Amino acid sequence: MNPESHPESPCIGVCEFDRGLGVCLGCLRTKEEISGWPSFNAIRKQEVLERLAAVKKRGRRGRS
């Protein structure tokens, strides 16, 4: 991945935070991932996207 290219936010506009799961029910990100997204570098953003893909593949929500 080109470190200069920043992935787009995975936000889908369904912003409902589940405190029990610790994630947004729309994008499955944690509060830290949501609030930090604008300042994350491209590598950190890609790490978040990879975690989200793994969570979706398993069909589970929350941190891996």
Protein backbone atom coordinates (compact mmCIF):
# COMPACT_ATOMS: atom_id res chain seq x y z
CA MET A 1 0.00 0.00 0.00
CA ASN A 2 1.21 3.47 -0.82
CA PRO A 3 1.66 5.21 2.56
CA GLU A 4 0.48 8.47 1.02
CA SER A 5 -2.94 7.05 0.09
CA HIS A 6 -5.38 7.21 2.96
CA PRO A 7 -8.28 4.74 2.96
CA GLU A 8 -11.74 6.20 3.26
CA SER A 9 -13.61 5.95 6.53
CA PRO A 10 -15.64 2.75 6.94
CA CYS A 11 -18.50 4.82 8.42
CA ILE A 12 -21.83 3.92 6.79
CA GLY A 13 -23.88 6.57 8.58
CA VAL A 14 -25.53 4.14 11.02
CA CYS A 15 -24.00 5.55 14.18
CA GLU A 16 -25.27 3.58 17.15
CA PHE A 17 -22.74 2.63 19.78
CA ASP A 18 -23.23 -0.64 21.65
CA ARG A 19 -21.57 -0.24 25.04
CA GLY A 20 -21.73 -3.98 25.69
CA LEU A 21 -19.85 -4.85 22.52
CA GLY A 22 -17.73 -1.72 22.63
CA VAL A 23 -18.28 -0.92 18.97
CA CYS A 24 -20.46 1.12 16.63
CA LEU A 25 -23.17 -1.14 15.21
CA GLY A 26 -22.81 0.53 11.80
CA CYS A 27 -19.09 0.36 11.10
CA LEU A 28 -17.96 -1.96 13.93
CA ARG A 29 -15.20 0.41 15.01
CA THR A 30 -14.33 1.13 18.63
CA LYS A 31 -14.65 4.64 20.05
CA GLU A 32 -10.88 4.99 19.85
CA GLU A 33 -10.87 3.98 16.18
CA ILE A 34 -13.69 6.39 15.37
CA SER A 35 -12.23 9.38 17.19
CA GLY A 36 -8.69 8.66 16.03
CA TRP A 37 -9.49 8.02 12.37
CA PRO A 38 -8.80 11.59 11.15
CA SER A 39 -5.32 11.58 12.68
CA PHE A 40 -4.39 7.96 11.89
CA ASN A 41 -1.75 7.49 9.23
CA ALA A 42 -2.53 5.30 6.22
CA ILE A 43 -0.93 2.23 7.78
CA ARG A 44 -2.99 2.50 10.98
CA LYS A 45 -6.17 3.02 8.92
CA GLN A 46 -5.39 -0.11 6.93
CA GLU A 47 -4.88 -2.06 10.16
CA VAL A 48 -8.34 -0.98 11.34
CA LEU A 49 -9.89 -1.96 8.00
CA GLU A 50 -8.21 -5.38 8.15
CA ARG A 51 -9.56 -5.95 11.68
CA LEU A 52 -13.05 -4.98 10.51
CA ALA A 53 -12.80 -7.37 7.55
CA ALA A 54 -11.79 -10.21 9.89
CA VAL A 55 -14.67 -9.44 12.25
CA LYS A 56 -17.16 -9.39 9.37
CA LYS A 57 -15.75 -12.63 7.97
CA ARG A 58 -16.30 -14.35 11.31
CA GLY A 59 -19.76 -12.82 11.56
CA ARG A 60 -18.98 -11.37 14.98
CA ARG A 61 -18.87 -7.87 16.33
CA GLY A 62 -16.25 -6.46 18.64
CA ARG A 63 -12.53 -6.60 19.09
CA SER A 64 -10.59 -9.59 17.90
